Amino acid sequence: MSQPSFAEVRAELQAVGLDRDDLADDPIVQLRRWYEECIELGMHESEAFVLSTVAPDGTPSSRYVLMRGLDHGVVFFTNRQSRKGRELQANAVAAACFPWHVLSRQVRLVGPVEVIDDEASDAYFATRSRGAQIGAWASDQSAVLADRGELERRVADVEARFEGEEVPRPPHWGGYRLVPHEVEVWQGRRSRLHDRFTYRRSGEAWHVERLGP
C-alpha cells in the first residue's frame, strides 16, 4: 500500500482537527510526537525552525536554524559572534516556530536560552562534515563581505591550515538550548477556524488552554 501524499494527510488533519484529549500533558512530548510524524512522512528538513531574537534596542530578527537536539528544550548550534549570537548574549530569550505548512501545523515556543557546554558542542561539531567544519572557521557570520571571492579565499586558507588534520571546533562556535515557558500548538482547519492550544508552565506542571483561531 502506497504512502499517502502530503495533500491527503493535510486534508485529513484539517478535517479531524485537534482536541485537548489528543495532546500530551508535556509540550516537549507533543513537539517530539509531531516532529516524528514529519520524519515518518518524509518531510524535507522537518527539523528546520524559525528562531527570533531581540537586539538591545528592541529590534527583533528572525532566521531559519536546524534543531539538533530535543530534551527539556530545543537545541541548536551557531556562530556565537553572529547577529543571533550577539543578540542572545544581550537578551538570553528567544521565540521559535516550527512551520510544518504541508501538514497545516505549527508549534511555537518562547523562553530563555542557555549556552550549551563546550564538551557537548565539541561532540556535535565532530559529527559535522569536514566542509561544514571548515566553513565554521572561514565564515565571519553576519559580517559584510566584499564579494564571494573573499569567502572562498578564507575557505582555502582554513583548508591549508588544517590539511591532514582533524578540524577542531572554533572557540566562537557552539550550542544553545531554548527552554520554553510557553508553547503553542496549532492545527489548521477549514474556513480558517483553526485549533490552537497553549501550554504555560505553572511550577513543575503545564497548564493547557484552547485559544481562539
Protein backbone atom coordinates (compact mmCIF):
# COMPACT_ATOMS: atom_id res chain seq x y z
CA MET A 1 0.00 0.00 0.00
CA SER A 2 1.44 3.36 -1.04
CA GLN A 3 2.11 6.10 1.48
CA PRO A 4 -0.49 8.90 1.43
CA SER A 5 0.59 12.20 -0.10
CA PHE A 6 1.15 15.31 1.97
CA ALA A 7 -2.02 16.78 0.46
CA GLU A 8 -4.04 13.76 1.59
CA VAL A 9 -2.60 13.83 5.12
CA ARG A 10 -3.14 17.60 5.35
CA ALA A 11 -6.78 17.26 4.28
CA GLU A 12 -7.37 14.51 6.84
CA LEU A 13 -5.76 16.50 9.66
CA GLN A 14 -7.78 19.59 8.77
CA ALA A 15 -10.98 17.53 8.79
CA VAL A 16 -10.31 15.72 12.06
CA GLY A 17 -8.88 18.70 13.95
CA LEU A 18 -7.31 18.76 17.37
CA ASP A 19 -8.90 18.29 20.80
CA ARG A 20 -7.38 18.63 24.26
CA ASP A 21 -7.52 14.86 24.71
CA ASP A 22 -5.26 14.48 21.67
CA LEU A 23 -2.45 16.40 23.34
CA ALA A 24 0.32 15.19 25.61
CA ASP A 25 0.44 16.87 29.03
CA ASP A 26 4.04 17.95 28.34
CA PRO A 27 4.57 20.22 25.30
CA ILE A 28 8.04 18.78 24.60
CA VAL A 29 6.46 15.35 24.30
CA GLN A 30 3.86 16.82 21.96
CA LEU A 31 6.53 18.56 19.86
CA ARG A 32 8.50 15.33 19.59
CA ARG A 33 5.36 13.42 18.61
CA TRP A 34 4.55 15.79 15.74
CA TYR A 35 8.21 16.01 14.68
CA GLU A 36 8.48 12.22 14.47
CA GLU A 37 5.32 12.15 12.34
CA CYS A 38 7.01 14.60 9.96
CA ILE A 39 10.04 12.30 9.78
CA GLU A 40 7.88 9.25 9.07
CA LEU A 41 6.15 11.10 6.23
CA GLY A 42 9.50 12.04 4.70
CA MET A 43 9.15 15.80 5.07
CA HIS A 44 12.20 17.73 3.88
CA GLU A 45 14.13 19.39 6.72
CA SER A 46 11.36 18.96 9.26
CA GLU A 47 13.97 19.94 11.88
CA ALA A 48 14.12 23.49 10.48
CA PHE A 49 12.53 26.21 12.57
CA VAL A 50 12.39 29.99 12.68
CA LEU A 51 14.41 31.45 15.55
CA SER A 52 13.62 35.01 16.62
CA THR A 53 15.95 37.03 18.83
CA VAL A 54 15.92 40.62 20.08
CA ALA A 55 18.66 43.27 19.86
CA PRO A 56 19.44 45.54 22.83
CA ASP A 57 17.37 48.32 21.23
CA GLY A 58 14.33 46.03 21.00
CA THR A 59 14.63 45.29 17.28
CA PRO A 60 13.64 41.67 16.52
CA SER A 61 15.29 39.47 13.89
CA SER A 62 14.39 36.03 12.60
CA ARG A 63 16.07 33.29 10.59
CA TYR A 64 15.85 29.55 9.99
CA VAL A 65 18.09 27.26 12.03
CA LEU A 66 18.11 23.48 12.47
CA MET A 67 17.09 21.63 15.62
CA ARG A 68 19.98 19.36 16.62
CA GLY A 69 18.54 18.00 19.84
CA LEU A 70 15.30 17.87 21.82
CA ASP A 71 15.44 17.21 25.56
CA HIS A 72 13.97 19.69 28.04
CA GLY A 73 14.36 22.28 25.30
CA VAL A 74 15.23 22.80 21.65
CA VAL A 75 18.95 22.56 20.89
CA PHE A 76 20.71 24.36 18.02
CA PHE A 77 24.27 25.37 17.12
CA THR A 78 25.70 28.52 15.56
CA ASN A 79 28.50 31.05 15.40
CA ARG A 80 28.25 32.95 18.68
CA GLN A 81 29.66 36.08 17.04
CA SER A 82 26.82 36.15 14.51
CA ARG A 83 23.91 38.55 14.86
CA LYS A 84 21.81 35.97 16.66
CA GLY A 85 24.73 35.07 18.90
CA ARG A 86 25.30 38.70 19.87
CA GLU A 87 21.59 39.23 20.46
CA LEU A 88 21.36 36.13 22.63
CA GLN A 89 24.30 37.37 24.67
CA ALA A 90 22.48 40.68 25.24
CA ASN A 91 18.99 39.21 25.69
CA ALA A 92 19.06 35.50 26.51
CA VAL A 93 15.47 34.85 25.44
CA ALA A 94 14.04 33.77 22.10
CA ALA A 95 10.99 32.55 20.23
CA ALA A 96 10.90 29.58 17.88
CA CYS A 97 8.35 28.40 15.34
CA PHE A 98 8.24 25.08 13.52
CA PRO A 99 6.27 25.84 10.32
CA TRP A 100 5.08 22.49 9.02
CA HIS A 101 2.93 24.07 6.30
CA VAL A 102 2.40 20.94 4.24
CA LEU A 103 0.54 19.41 7.19
CA SER A 104 -1.18 22.66 8.18
CA ARG A 105 0.57 22.50 11.54
CA GLN A 106 2.91 24.69 13.54
CA VAL A 107 4.45 24.72 17.00
CA ARG A 108 5.58 27.97 18.63
CA LEU A 109 7.86 28.21 21.68
CA VAL A 110 9.02 31.12 23.85
CA GLY A 111 11.54 31.07 26.67
CA PRO A 112 15.05 31.70 27.96
CA VAL A 113 18.08 30.43 26.06
CA GLU A 114 21.02 28.78 27.78
CA VAL A 115 24.53 28.16 26.45
CA ILE A 116 25.49 24.53 25.95
CA ASP A 117 28.80 23.47 27.48
CA ASP A 118 32.00 23.01 25.46
CA GLU A 119 32.00 19.23 25.77
CA ALA A 120 28.58 18.89 24.15
CA SER A 121 29.46 21.48 21.50
CA ASP A 122 32.70 19.60 20.72
CA ALA A 123 30.80 16.33 20.40
CA TYR A 124 28.29 17.75 17.93
CA PHE A 125 30.93 19.63 15.92
CA ALA A 126 32.80 16.36 15.42
CA THR A 127 29.75 14.88 13.65
CA ARG A 128 29.63 17.63 11.01
CA SER A 129 31.07 17.17 7.55
CA ARG A 130 34.61 18.44 7.05
CA GLY A 131 33.28 21.09 4.68
CA ALA A 132 30.91 22.40 7.33
CA GLN A 133 33.72 22.36 9.89
CA ILE A 134 35.95 24.38 7.55
CA GLY A 135 33.08 26.79 6.92
CA ALA A 136 32.62 27.41 10.63
CA TRP A 137 36.19 28.73 10.75
CA ALA A 138 36.10 30.59 7.44
CA SER A 139 32.79 32.44 7.78
CA ASP A 140 32.69 35.63 9.81
CA GLN A 141 28.96 35.11 10.09
CA SER A 142 26.76 38.21 9.63
CA ALA A 143 29.78 40.40 8.77
CA VAL A 144 29.96 42.29 5.45
CA LEU A 145 31.90 40.60 2.61
CA ALA A 146 33.45 42.46 -0.31
CA ASP A 147 32.48 39.61 -2.65
CA ARG A 148 32.16 35.83 -2.89
CA GLY A 149 35.87 35.60 -3.62
CA GLU A 150 36.71 36.87 -0.14
CA LEU A 151 34.82 33.97 1.41
CA GLU A 152 36.41 31.45 -0.95
CA ARG A 153 39.89 32.74 -0.09
CA ARG A 154 39.15 32.31 3.59
CA VAL A 155 37.97 28.75 2.98
CA ALA A 156 41.18 27.99 1.10
CA ASP A 157 43.27 29.44 3.93
CA VAL A 158 41.48 27.30 6.53
CA GLU A 159 41.78 24.17 4.37
CA ALA A 160 45.53 24.78 4.15
CA ARG A 161 45.77 25.42 7.88
CA PHE A 162 44.17 22.10 8.81
CA GLU A 163 45.43 19.98 5.90
CA GLY A 164 45.93 16.42 7.07
CA GLU A 165 44.48 17.18 10.50
CA GLU A 166 41.13 16.96 12.23
CA VAL A 167 39.34 20.29 12.31
CA PRO A 168 38.71 21.43 15.92
CA ARG A 169 35.67 23.39 16.97
CA PRO A 170 36.22 27.16 16.71
CA PRO A 171 36.06 28.81 20.14
CA HIS A 172 33.36 31.18 18.87
CA TRP A 173 31.06 28.35 17.70
CA GLY A 174 28.76 26.31 19.91
CA GLY A 175 25.34 25.29 21.06
CA TYR A 176 22.29 26.81 22.69
CA ARG A 177 19.13 25.42 24.21
CA LEU A 178 15.78 27.25 24.18
CA VAL A 179 13.93 26.14 27.33
CA PRO A 180 10.28 27.13 26.81
CA HIS A 181 7.93 28.53 29.41
CA GLU A 182 5.18 28.86 26.80
CA VAL A 183 4.37 26.57 23.87
CA GLU A 184 1.54 26.81 21.36
CA VAL A 185 0.43 24.00 19.05
CA TRP A 186 -1.64 24.91 16.02
CA GLN A 187 -3.64 22.67 13.72
CA GLY A 188 -5.14 24.26 10.64
CA ARG A 189 -8.86 23.72 9.99
CA ARG A 190 -11.21 24.57 7.17
CA SER A 191 -12.71 28.08 6.90
CA ARG A 192 -9.73 29.30 8.97
CA LEU A 193 -11.40 28.00 12.15
CA HIS A 194 -8.12 26.56 13.39
CA ASP A 195 -7.47 24.59 16.57
CA ARG A 196 -4.97 26.31 18.87
CA PHE A 197 -3.78 25.25 22.31
CA THR A 198 -1.25 26.98 24.52
CA TYR A 199 0.85 25.39 27.25
CA ARG A 200 2.03 27.67 30.05
CA ARG A 201 4.33 26.49 32.78
CA SER A 202 2.88 26.51 36.29
CA GLY A 203 5.58 25.41 38.72
CA GLU A 204 6.65 21.95 37.58
CA ALA A 205 3.42 21.36 35.64
CA TRP A 206 1.91 22.75 32.45
CA HIS A 207 -1.47 24.44 32.15
CA VAL A 208 -3.19 23.93 28.79
CA GLU A 209 -5.85 26.22 27.31
CA ARG A 210 -7.63 26.43 23.98
CA LEU A 211 -7.24 29.71 22.10
CA GLY A 212 -9.46 31.38 19.54
CA PRO A 213 -8.31 30.99 15.96
